[in-house]
Amino acid sequence: MSSETTGSTGLAGRYTSALFELAKAEGILDRVAEDLDSLHAMIEVSEGLHRLIHSPVLSREEQGRAMDALMEKAETSDLTRRFIGVVAQNRRLFVLPGIIKDYTRRLAAYRGETSAEVISAAPLSDKQMEAIGASLKKTVGTDVTIEAKVDAALLGGLIVRVGSRMVDSTLRTKLQHLRLAMKGVG
């Protein structure tokens, strides 16, 4: 079974390196990032698109045509469109989520920013995102790019990951700790 590695030596990392260098050479790093963010959002909300990129049944031509039509409809840059075409032709659409995540991290590093993953029980408002960003900037010492995710199973609170550091202040975790403490008492 394939793994969606995002390191620079993994499959996604090799594709990301190529895309990043091409986007840098063309001076469209931000445009490609916007295209990839848009594609990521589409993959997250569309079960059909998720099936398309993971389907071993569809031929590379079918996947390529479908992705080309999607990229045209989304009005992505020519570079992004051609890149997705190459990924489809090589039957590697299943690594797109890893490529997108890796590209975001590389762009943040290139800008001198740190990327953080913030997982909450409900979507965060712009004001909350700004407050979290300011707090992380103060703690880390550099600008922070936040990748927000929602996991309703958390009940409340946040999980914040910056590099190898993680802070888990969710209600789910607090309840688990309380449950373990209660078992220890009896």
C-alpha atoms as a PDB file:
ATOM      1  CA  MET A   1       0.000   0.000   0.000  1.00  0.00           C
ATOM      2  CA  SER A   2       1.272   3.462  -0.889  1.00  0.00           C
ATOM      3  CA  SER A   3       2.058   5.998   1.751  1.00  0.00           C
ATOM      4  CA  GLU A   4       1.369   9.690   1.409  1.00  0.00           C
ATOM      5  CA  THR A   5       4.672  10.930   2.743  1.00  0.00           C
ATOM      6  CA  THR A   6       5.247  14.629   2.748  1.00  0.00           C
ATOM      7  CA  GLY A   7       8.963  14.686   3.438  1.00  0.00           C
ATOM      8  CA  SER A   8      11.285  15.962   0.760  1.00  0.00           C
ATOM      9  CA  THR A   9      12.467  12.420   0.046  1.00  0.00           C
ATOM     10  CA  GLY A  10       8.975  10.910  -0.260  1.00  0.00           C
ATOM     11  CA  LEU A  11       6.872  10.669  -3.375  1.00  0.00           C
ATOM     12  CA  ALA A  12       4.856  13.801  -2.540  1.00  0.00           C
ATOM     13  CA  GLY A  13       8.082  15.616  -1.682  1.00  0.00           C
ATOM     14  CA  ARG A  14       9.609  14.941  -5.094  1.00  0.00           C
ATOM     15  CA  TYR A  15       6.541  16.241  -6.896  1.00  0.00           C
ATOM     16  CA  THR A  16       6.379  19.223  -4.562  1.00  0.00           C
ATOM     17  CA  SER A  17      10.033  20.074  -5.192  1.00  0.00           C
ATOM     18  CA  ALA A  18       9.431  20.164  -8.933  1.00  0.00           C
ATOM     19  CA  LEU A  19       6.272  22.261  -8.634  1.00  0.00           C
ATOM     20  CA  PHE A  20       7.862  24.659  -6.158  1.00  0.00           C
ATOM     21  CA  GLU A  21      10.916  25.254  -8.336  1.00  0.00           C
ATOM     22  CA  LEU A  22       8.785  25.809 -11.452  1.00  0.00           C
ATOM     23  CA  ALA A  23       6.465  28.212  -9.612  1.00  0.00           C
ATOM     24  CA  LYS A  24       9.458  30.083  -8.200  1.00  0.00           C
ATOM     25  CA  ALA A  25      11.041  30.359 -11.646  1.00  0.00           C
ATOM     26  CA  GLU A  26       7.783  31.731 -13.078  1.00  0.00           C
ATOM     27  CA  GLY A  27       7.251  34.049 -10.088  1.00  0.00           C
ATOM     28  CA  ILE A  28       3.850  32.596  -9.236  1.00  0.00           C
ATOM     29  CA  LEU A  29       4.453  30.895  -5.880  1.00  0.00           C
ATOM     30  CA  ASP A  30       1.412  32.564  -4.304  1.00  0.00           C
ATOM     31  CA  ARG A  31      -0.872  31.869  -7.257  1.00  0.00           C
ATOM     32  CA  VAL A  32       0.009  28.162  -7.196  1.00  0.00           C
ATOM     33  CA  ALA A  33      -0.577  28.131  -3.424  1.00  0.00           C
ATOM     34  CA  GLU A  34      -4.041  29.627  -3.973  1.00  0.00           C
ATOM     35  CA  ASP A  35      -4.755  27.022  -6.669  1.00  0.00           C
ATOM     36  CA  LEU A  36      -3.673  24.199  -4.375  1.00  0.00           C
ATOM     37  CA  ASP A  37      -5.669  25.581  -1.433  1.00  0.00           C
ATOM     38  CA  SER A  38      -8.731  25.695  -3.655  1.00  0.00           C
ATOM     39  CA  LEU A  39      -8.115  22.126  -4.843  1.00  0.00           C
ATOM     40  CA  HIS A  40      -7.634  20.962  -1.252  1.00  0.00           C
ATOM     41  CA  ALA A  41     -10.967  22.513  -0.258  1.00  0.00           C
ATOM     42  CA  MET A  42     -12.675  20.769  -3.186  1.00  0.00           C
ATOM     43  CA  ILE A  43     -11.186  17.398  -2.224  1.00  0.00           C
ATOM     44  CA  GLU A  44     -12.344  17.888   1.378  1.00  0.00           C
ATOM     45  CA  VAL A  45     -15.975  18.612   0.479  1.00  0.00           C
ATOM     46  CA  SER A  46     -16.491  16.416  -2.591  1.00  0.00           C
ATOM     47  CA  GLU A  47     -16.767  12.695  -2.035  1.00  0.00           C
ATOM     48  CA  GLY A  48     -16.776  12.233  -5.827  1.00  0.00           C
ATOM     49  CA  LEU A  49     -13.474  14.065  -6.235  1.00  0.00           C
ATOM     50  CA  HIS A  50     -11.998  12.137  -3.331  1.00  0.00           C
ATOM     51  CA  ARG A  51     -13.017   8.879  -5.052  1.00  0.00           C
ATOM     52  CA  LEU A  52     -11.625  10.130  -8.381  1.00  0.00           C
ATOM     53  CA  ILE A  53      -8.144  10.779  -7.037  1.00  0.00           C
ATOM     54  CA  HIS A  54      -8.033   7.454  -5.178  1.00  0.00           C
ATOM     55  CA  SER A  55      -9.696   5.254  -7.833  1.00  0.00           C
ATOM     56  CA  PRO A  56      -7.594   2.423  -9.238  1.00  0.00           C
ATOM     57  CA  VAL A  57     -10.427   1.604 -11.660  1.00  0.00           C
ATOM     58  CA  LEU A  58     -10.370   4.791 -13.739  1.00  0.00           C
ATOM     59  CA  SER A  59      -7.759   4.999 -16.469  1.00  0.00           C
ATOM     60  CA  ARG A  60      -5.096   7.699 -16.432  1.00  0.00           C
ATOM     61  CA  GLU A  61      -6.830   9.322 -19.414  1.00  0.00           C
ATOM     62  CA  GLU A  62     -10.186   9.446 -17.591  1.00  0.00           C
ATOM     63  CA  GLN A  63      -8.585  10.863 -14.462  1.00  0.00           C
ATOM     64  CA  GLY A  64      -6.604  13.348 -16.541  1.00  0.00           C
ATOM     65  CA  ARG A  65      -9.681  14.576 -18.450  1.00  0.00           C
ATOM     66  CA  ALA A  66     -11.708  14.925 -15.257  1.00  0.00           C
ATOM     67  CA  MET A  67      -8.944  16.830 -13.455  1.00  0.00           C
ATOM     68  CA  ASP A  68      -8.301  19.046 -16.502  1.00  0.00           C
ATOM     69  CA  ALA A  69     -11.994  19.973 -16.662  1.00  0.00           C
ATOM     70  CA  LEU A  70     -11.977  20.701 -12.928  1.00  0.00           C
ATOM     71  CA  MET A  71      -8.832  22.843 -13.161  1.00  0.00           C
ATOM     72  CA  GLU A  72     -10.309  24.763 -16.102  1.00  0.00           C
ATOM     73  CA  LYS A  73     -13.573  25.369 -14.214  1.00  0.00           C
ATOM     74  CA  ALA A  74     -11.607  26.498 -11.130  1.00  0.00           C
ATOM     75  CA  GLU A  75      -9.576  28.874 -13.349  1.00  0.00           C
ATOM     76  CA  THR A  76      -6.237  27.684 -12.023  1.00  0.00           C
ATOM     77  CA  SER A  77      -2.937  28.875 -13.415  1.00  0.00           C
ATOM     78  CA  ASP A  78      -1.520  27.148 -16.470  1.00  0.00           C
ATOM     79  CA  LEU A  79       1.351  25.751 -14.394  1.00  0.00           C
ATOM     80  CA  THR A  80      -1.003  24.194 -11.836  1.00  0.00           C
ATOM     81  CA  ARG A  81      -3.156  22.758 -14.590  1.00  0.00           C
ATOM     82  CA  ARG A  82      -0.185  21.204 -16.399  1.00  0.00           C
ATOM     83  CA  PHE A  83       1.248  19.899 -13.125  1.00  0.00           C
ATOM     84  CA  ILE A  84      -2.017  18.186 -12.168  1.00  0.00           C
ATOM     85  CA  GLY A  85      -2.084  16.722 -15.690  1.00  0.00           C
ATOM     86  CA  VAL A  86       1.376  15.202 -15.207  1.00  0.00           C
ATOM     87  CA  VAL A  87       0.389  13.836 -11.792  1.00  0.00           C
ATOM     88  CA  ALA A  88      -2.728  12.259 -13.341  1.00  0.00           C
ATOM     89  CA  GLN A  89      -0.749  10.872 -16.297  1.00  0.00           C
ATOM     90  CA  ASN A  90       1.663   9.234 -13.844  1.00  0.00           C
ATOM     91  CA  ARG A  91      -1.301   7.796 -11.846  1.00  0.00           C
ATOM     92  CA  ARG A  92      -0.230   9.655  -8.726  1.00  0.00           C
ATOM     93  CA  LEU A  93      -3.384  11.670  -7.979  1.00  0.00           C
ATOM     94  CA  PHE A  94      -3.632   9.853  -4.638  1.00  0.00           C
ATOM     95  CA  VAL A  95      -0.640  11.872  -3.383  1.00  0.00           C
ATOM     96  CA  LEU A  96      -2.284  15.255  -4.082  1.00  0.00           C
ATOM     97  CA  PRO A  97      -3.204  15.860  -0.402  1.00  0.00           C
ATOM     98  CA  GLY A  98       0.439  15.253   0.555  1.00  0.00           C
ATOM     99  CA  ILE A  99       1.704  17.482  -2.256  1.00  0.00           C
ATOM    100  CA  ILE A 100      -0.615  20.292  -1.193  1.00  0.00           C
ATOM    101  CA  LYS A 101       0.436  20.058   2.456  1.00  0.00           C
ATOM    102  CA  ASP A 102       4.127  19.882   1.550  1.00  0.00           C
ATOM    103  CA  TYR A 103       3.865  22.850  -0.839  1.00  0.00           C
ATOM    104  CA  THR A 104       2.249  24.958   1.896  1.00  0.00           C
ATOM    105  CA  ARG A 105       5.045  24.069   4.312  1.00  0.00           C
ATOM    106  CA  ARG A 106       7.772  24.822   1.766  1.00  0.00           C
ATOM    107  CA  LEU A 107       6.244  28.161   0.871  1.00  0.00           C
ATOM    108  CA  ALA A 108       6.022  29.108   4.544  1.00  0.00           C
ATOM    109  CA  ALA A 109       9.666  28.108   5.096  1.00  0.00           C
ATOM    110  CA  TYR A 110      10.710  30.040   1.983  1.00  0.00           C
ATOM    111  CA  ARG A 111       8.997  33.138   3.383  1.00  0.00           C
ATOM    112  CA  GLY A 112      10.619  32.653   6.785  1.00  0.00           C
ATOM    113  CA  GLU A 113       7.325  31.671   8.353  1.00  0.00           C
ATOM    114  CA  THR A 114       6.473  28.754  10.562  1.00  0.00           C
ATOM    115  CA  SER A 115       3.447  26.659   9.759  1.00  0.00           C
ATOM    116  CA  ALA A 116       1.044  25.500  12.439  1.00  0.00           C
ATOM    117  CA  GLU A 117      -1.862  23.101  12.355  1.00  0.00           C
ATOM    118  CA  VAL A 118      -4.813  24.119  14.519  1.00  0.00           C
ATOM    119  CA  ILE A 119      -7.600  21.599  15.026  1.00  0.00           C
ATOM    120  CA  SER A 120     -10.805  22.766  16.689  1.00  0.00           C
ATOM    121  CA  ALA A 121     -14.227  21.289  17.435  1.00  0.00           C
ATOM    122  CA  ALA A 122     -15.967  24.001  15.383  1.00  0.00           C
ATOM    123  CA  PRO A 123     -14.803  26.387  12.645  1.00  0.00           C
ATOM    124  CA  LEU A 124     -12.853  29.344  14.024  1.00  0.00           C
ATOM    125  CA  SER A 125     -13.808  32.930  13.243  1.00  0.00           C
ATOM    126  CA  ASP A 126     -11.369  35.332  11.598  1.00  0.00           C
ATOM    127  CA  LYS A 127     -10.941  37.112  14.928  1.00  0.00           C
ATOM    128  CA  GLN A 128     -10.083  33.834  16.681  1.00  0.00           C
ATOM    129  CA  MET A 129      -7.625  32.927  13.928  1.00  0.00           C
ATOM    130  CA  GLU A 130      -5.921  36.321  14.275  1.00  0.00           C
ATOM    131  CA  ALA A 131      -5.666  35.890  18.054  1.00  0.00           C
ATOM    132  CA  ILE A 132      -4.181  32.401  17.689  1.00  0.00           C
ATOM    133  CA  GLY A 133      -1.774  33.662  15.016  1.00  0.00           C
ATOM    134  CA  ALA A 134      -0.628  36.545  17.221  1.00  0.00           C
ATOM    135  CA  SER A 135      -0.144  34.241  20.192  1.00  0.00           C
ATOM    136  CA  LEU A 136       1.832  31.727  18.128  1.00  0.00           C
ATOM    137  CA  LYS A 137       3.968  34.495  16.607  1.00  0.00           C
ATOM    138  CA  LYS A 138       4.808  35.708  20.105  1.00  0.00           C
ATOM    139  CA  THR A 139       5.702  32.171  21.219  1.00  0.00           C
ATOM    140  CA  VAL A 140       7.587  31.025  18.110  1.00  0.00           C
ATOM    141  CA  GLY A 141       9.198  34.347  17.221  1.00  0.00           C
ATOM    142  CA  THR A 142       8.315  34.292  13.514  1.00  0.00           C
ATOM    143  CA  ASP A 143       5.221  34.794  11.407  1.00  0.00           C
ATOM    144  CA  VAL A 144       2.968  31.749  11.519  1.00  0.00           C
ATOM    145  CA  THR A 145       0.881  30.307   8.709  1.00  0.00           C
ATOM    146  CA  ILE A 146      -2.105  28.493  10.179  1.00  0.00           C
ATOM    147  CA  GLU A 147      -3.744  25.462   8.630  1.00  0.00           C
ATOM    148  CA  ALA A 148      -7.124  25.180  10.347  1.00  0.00           C
ATOM    149  CA  LYS A 149      -9.013  21.907  10.567  1.00  0.00           C
ATOM    150  CA  VAL A 150     -12.265  20.925  12.266  1.00  0.00           C
ATOM    151  CA  ASP A 151     -12.823  17.710  14.232  1.00  0.00           C
ATOM    152  CA  ALA A 152     -16.212  17.646  15.970  1.00  0.00           C
ATOM    153  CA  ALA A 153     -15.087  14.672  18.088  1.00  0.00           C
ATOM    154  CA  LEU A 154     -12.892  17.030  20.134  1.00  0.00           C
ATOM    155  CA  LEU A 155     -15.999  18.437  21.908  1.00  0.00           C
ATOM    156  CA  GLY A 156     -14.201  21.743  22.562  1.00  0.00           C
ATOM    157  CA  GLY A 157     -10.756  23.290  22.884  1.00  0.00           C
ATOM    158  CA  LEU A 158      -7.846  23.157  20.447  1.00  0.00           C
ATOM    159  CA  ILE A 159      -4.966  21.003  19.305  1.00  0.00           C
ATOM    160  CA  VAL A 160      -2.058  23.127  18.071  1.00  0.00           C
ATOM    161  CA  ARG A 161       0.929  21.577  16.291  1.00  0.00           C
ATOM    162  CA  VAL A 162       3.996  23.626  15.430  1.00  0.00           C
ATOM    163  CA  GLY A 163       6.779  21.484  14.048  1.00  0.00           C
ATOM    164  CA  SER A 164       7.289  18.589  16.435  1.00  0.00           C
ATOM    165  CA  ARG A 165       5.578  20.389  19.323  1.00  0.00           C
ATOM    166  CA  MET A 166       1.934  19.805  20.146  1.00  0.00           C
ATOM    167  CA  VAL A 167      -0.413  21.381  22.683  1.00  0.00           C
ATOM    168  CA  ASP A 168      -3.678  19.528  23.295  1.00  0.00           C
ATOM    169  CA  SER A 169      -6.220  21.473  25.343  1.00  0.00           C
ATOM    170  CA  THR A 170      -9.313  19.649  24.121  1.00  0.00           C
ATOM    171  CA  LEU A 171     -12.191  18.567  26.309  1.00  0.00           C
ATOM    172  CA  ARG A 172     -11.881  15.049  24.929  1.00  0.00           C
ATOM    173  CA  THR A 173      -8.304  14.765  26.227  1.00  0.00           C
ATOM    174  CA  LYS A 174      -9.192  16.326  29.574  1.00  0.00           C
ATOM    175  CA  LEU A 175     -12.048  13.838  29.989  1.00  0.00           C
ATOM    176  CA  GLN A 176      -9.714  10.953  29.122  1.00  0.00           C
ATOM    177  CA  HIS A 177      -7.224  12.127  31.776  1.00  0.00           C
ATOM    178  CA  LEU A 178     -10.048  12.451  34.317  1.00  0.00           C
ATOM    179  CA  ARG A 179     -11.294   8.941  33.447  1.00  0.00           C
ATOM    180  CA  LEU A 180      -7.798   7.515  33.973  1.00  0.00           C
ATOM    181  CA  ALA A 181      -7.419   9.379  37.266  1.00  0.00           C
ATOM    182  CA  MET A 182     -10.777   8.060  38.471  1.00  0.00           C
ATOM    183  CA  LYS A 183      -9.771   4.486  37.631  1.00  0.00           C
ATOM    184  CA  GLY A 184      -6.571   4.954  39.600  1.00  0.00           C
ATOM    185  CA  VAL A 185      -8.467   6.091  42.717  1.00  0.00           C
ATOM    186  CA  GLY A 186     -10.780   3.030  42.913  1.00  0.00           C
END
